[in-house]
Amino acid sequence: MSTQVNEFGMPWMSGFDIRQRFVEFFESKQHLHVASSSLVPPAGDTSVLLTTAGMQQMIPYFLGLETPPAVRMCTVQKCFRTVDIDEVGDESHSTFFFMLGNFSVRDYFKHESLAWTWEFLTEWMHFPAERLYPTIHPDDEESFLIWRDEVGVPEERIGRLEDNWWQAGPTGPNGPDSEVYFDRGEQWGCGSDDCAPGCDCPRYLEVWNNVFMQYNTTADGVRTPLAKPCVDTGMGLERLVLLTQGARTMYETDFYQPIVRRICERAGVSYGVDPSIDRSVRIVADHTRGSVFLIGDGVLPGNEGRSYVLRRVMRKAIRHARSLGIEGEFIAELASVVIDQFADVHPELVERRSQITKVMSYEEASFGRTLASGMNRLQALTAELKERGETLISGEEAFRLYDTYGFPYDLTVELALEEGLSVDDAGYRAAMERQRETSRSGAVFNTGDRNWGEFYAAIQPRTTFLGYETTTADATIVAILGANGTQEQAEAGEQIELVLDRTPFYAESGGQVGDSGKIHAETGLFDVDDTRKPTPDLFVHRGTVQEGFIRVGESVTARVDSYRRSQIRRNHTATHLLHKALRTVVGEDSRQAGSLVAPDRLRFDFTSLEPVSAGQIRTINEIVNREIVADRAVATDVMEQKEAIVAGAMALFGEKYGDQVRVVKIDDISMELCGGTHVSRTGEIGPFIITSEGSVASGIRRIEALTGHAATERMLGQQRLLDEMGRDLKVSWSEVSESVHGLQDRVRELEREVEGYRERIAKAQSAELLGVAARVNGATVLVTLVDVDDRDALRTMGDYARDRIESGVIVLGANIDGSPALLAMVTPDLVGRGVKAGDIIRYIAPKIDGRGGGRPELAEAGGKNVDGLSDALREVAPFLEGKLEG
C-alpha cells in the first residue's frame, strides 16, 4: 500500500488494489469469490436488456430456483446502464462500471451485513468514520437500531430516505436498503441549510448500498415475502477509487487516465482546460471502454436491443472523437488501451482482441462515411430552418437523413438540440412505418431486368452440401449479393443473399422447403430466413444481417435451426409412407403430382379422377400410423440411376435426375429417388393425421396432413372439444355425434313450427290492417307501418292483404333489426290503369336514404334512415293523387 495519503488522510491505492482488497475481505468472511457474469443476461432473463447490477446473476438463488455454489458469495461485476446515457460527458455519469457486491442466500442478514460494511470502509479502506453517513428506509427500524446501538453511529448521522428501496427491474427480488454516504466537505456542497445525504449536490457521495431482499415482485405487480430473506450489496468500484485517490472525478483516476491521455495525445488537446473539450474526452473514454466490454461479451452493433445500444455508444464516441479533431481510425486503437489495462482480470478481452478491434474499425469506417454525408445535409437543413425562423425539423426530413444518408435518428435529435431545434418525432415514426409497409409488400430483392444468373454463374467456388450428415459446419463466405448485385460486405439491417463454400443448410427442392437458422461470423450475425439453389451446385442463403457486419472471405459457423429441420424431416418421411398407402388404397395408378414438405405441415398432390372417400381416408391414416409404430428403418444410398430403377426405386414423372441418384428406402415397403432429409426410423415421425382432402385441378387431388407435435396438438384439441361438448350435452364424448344429429332434427322441426306461427300471425295482422284501409274511387288503399321480424313476414302480410281485396294498392313499412324496409303491391287491374309498384317505391325510397325497384305488381326497397319511414309512407298519397280517378 502506498504511503501517499489524500486530503482525508486515506492512503492512496490503485483501482486494482482496491478491487483485490474487497475480494480478500469477504473471503476472510467465508465468501466464495464468483466470477463476473456476462453483460448479456441469460436467455431466460427478459427483465433487463443488459446486466445492470451484481445481483442479477444471484436472482435464481434468491428465488430458490437454483442451488448456489455457496450461501455466501462476493463478485466484481461488469455493469452497463443506459438510464443516464444522455448525461455522460459531465463529471459524474457513465454507462459502464464495476460493481463490488457481497451476497447472502438465506444465511446472514442485516446484523452481519451492516457490521461488515462499516468494518471494510473504516478498517480496510481507512475511511474516516466521522465522514460516513448511513441512511435507511423510514420503515426499517431494525437497521436503524443496528447502526446506532451495534455499530455505534450517532443517531443524528443516520438519515431516513423514502427511496431506500431497491430492485433490479420491474420484477424479481426486492426490499429496503441501507446506503452509506461519504461527506466530501462543504466545498462540494450546495450551500443549503438542509444539505444532507440524498441531496442532488456532489457533497455526499453514496459508496455502499446494503439491499435486504425480503420480497419478490411478479409480472402482475404483486409483492410477496421471500421464504427466507437474502442480502445483496452493491458498491461502485469507480467511486471508491475516486475517493481513495482524492480525484475530482472518476476520469482523473488510474482507471481512466490511460484512456484519457491517449485521447488527448491523439487530439492534441489538454484535459481540464476547456469544459467542452473535457466533455467530448469523457464521452469517448466512457463509450469506448463500455463498447470494448460489450463486444467482449458477444454483443455486436445492430439496429435493435442491446446491439443498438452498442452501435449508439460507439457512434457517439466516434462523433466526439471527430469533434476533437481526430481523423481516421482511432477507437479501435483506443480499445487496445482498454484491453491491455484489464487483461489480467478480464482475459476474455485478450481472447477476443481481434474481434473487438475488427468490429470497432469497421463501425468507425462505416460511420465516418455516414457522418460526412449526413452532417453536410443536416447543416444545410439547419441553416435553412434558421433563415426561415423555424425551429422544428420535420419527421420526413429526419427520416430522409436516416434512410438516404444512414444518419441515426437519435444523433439527429441530439445535434438538433445543440442548435436549439427539435424534431417531429411522430412524423419520423410515421415515415418509418410507411417505409416498413412498403418493404413488407415488396420482394426482398427487386431484381428488375437484371440477369441474376450472370452473378450466380460467376461465383466460385461452388457450394459443398454437408446437410445430410450435420446441421452445423464451419465455412467461408464466398459471395454477398444485395439489392444491386454483388458486394464485399454487409452490415446490420441489410437484407442480402449469402453464399458459402460449404453449408449444412438444405436448399428448397423436391417439395422440401429451405432451411433457416443463423450464420455466425467473428464480426457479425446473419439470420437465414430461407435457402435456395439457383443452380445444382450453388446454395444461396437469404436473410438479414442482425448484428455487426460480415465480409467476403470471413470464416463463419453455419447453424441450421435443428428443431425446425427435425419437423421437416418427420414430414418428409411421412410423405413417402403416405404415397405408399395411397397407392395401396386408391390404386397403383395413383402417382405423386407434387408436394410441400414444411415444418408445420405436409401437402401431397396425386393423380386421381375420383375423390378419396371418408372410409379410404381412415384406412390410409391407419396404414401410415401402423408403419410409424413399427419403427421401420429408413436408409439412404447413392447409386447409378439405372441401377436404382432396376432395384424398384420410384421416380417422379417429369423430374430430372442425374446419373447418380439418392435413394431413400423404408424397409421393404417404400423405395423412392429423393434428395430430401429424412428421419432414421419411422418411429421418430410421431402421430400422423390427415386434415383435408380435395381437388386442386382436373384429375389432381390434394391431401394435407400433420405429424409429430402438430398432429398431437390437433388431436388433443379435437379431444378437448369433444369432451367440452359432451359435458354440455351431458353425454360421453363417443355419443356427441349422435346427440348433435338429434338436436339438428329437433331444430329443423322447431323452425317449421315457428314458420307456421309466423304465417298465422301475419295473416291475423293483415286482417286487422284492412280495417284501417281507405277507399279511393272504388280501389282499396292500405298504407301503414307494421311490426314484423323479417322481410319474409313482410311479404306474407302483404300477400294476405292483397288476396283479400279485389282492387287496390298496398304499401307497408317496417323497422327490421334497425334497418328500414318498404313493400309496395298493386292489383293487376290498377297496373292496367298505369299504377305501378316500382314507380311508387322509387318515388318514396329517398326518404329512407335508400333505393329499390321491382315489377309493376310488386316492388321493395331498403335504406339507411329508419326514422324516415313515416315520411316515406306520407308520400304515397300525393303520388297516387289523380292516378286513381275515373
Foldseek 3Di string as FASTA:
>chain_A
DAPDFAPQRWAADALVVLVVLLQVLVVVVVAAEDEADAQQQPPVDPQDLGAAFRCRVVQCLLQVVDPDPDQKYKYFYWHADCPCVVVFLDQADFGIFTKTKIKGRLDDFQLVVVLSVVCCVCPVRVGPPVQKAKEWAPVCVVNLCSVCPVVNDDNVRYHHDNPQKDDDGLWGFIAGKMWMWGAQDPVQDPPDPPDHPVDPTPRIHTFKMKTKGQWTADPVGDIDGRPGIMIMMIGTSLVSNCVRNVHPGSCPHPLNVVLLVVLCVQLVHDAPPDSVLSSLSRLLRRLLLVLLSNVLSPAFAADDGPNVVNLVSLLSNLVSSVVSVRDADDSLVSSVSSCVVCCVSCVSSVVLNVLSSVLSNVSSVVVVQLCVVLVVLLVVVLVVCVVVVHAEAELVNLLCSCPVSVDDSVVSQVVSVVVNHHYDPVRVVVVVVVVVVVCVVDDQAPADPDDCVVLVVPFPDFEAEDQQPDQKDKWFWRWKQANVGTDFKDFHPGKIKTWTNYHNWDADDPQEFTWWDWKDFSFFIWTFPGWHDPDPGHIITTGGTHGGMDGGGTMIMGGTPVLQLLLLQLQVVLVQLLQLLCCVQVHVQKAWDHKHRGSFKIKTKIFDQDWQDPVSQVSSLVSSVVQLVVFFFKDKDKDAPVVLVVVPADEHPPDDDDRIFMWIDGPPRHIYTDDDHHDGTSPSFAHKHWDDKADDDRRMIMIMIGTDPNNVVVVVVVVVVLCVQCVVLVHHSVCSVVSVVVVVVVVVVVVVVVVVVLLVVLLVVLVVQQVPWDADLNATEGFEEDEDADVVSVVSNVVNNVVVGDFYKYWYWYQHVNKIKIKIFGDPVLVVLVQFRQVLQQVLVVLQQWHKGDGRGIIMIIHNRNVSSVVSSVVNVVVCVPSSDD
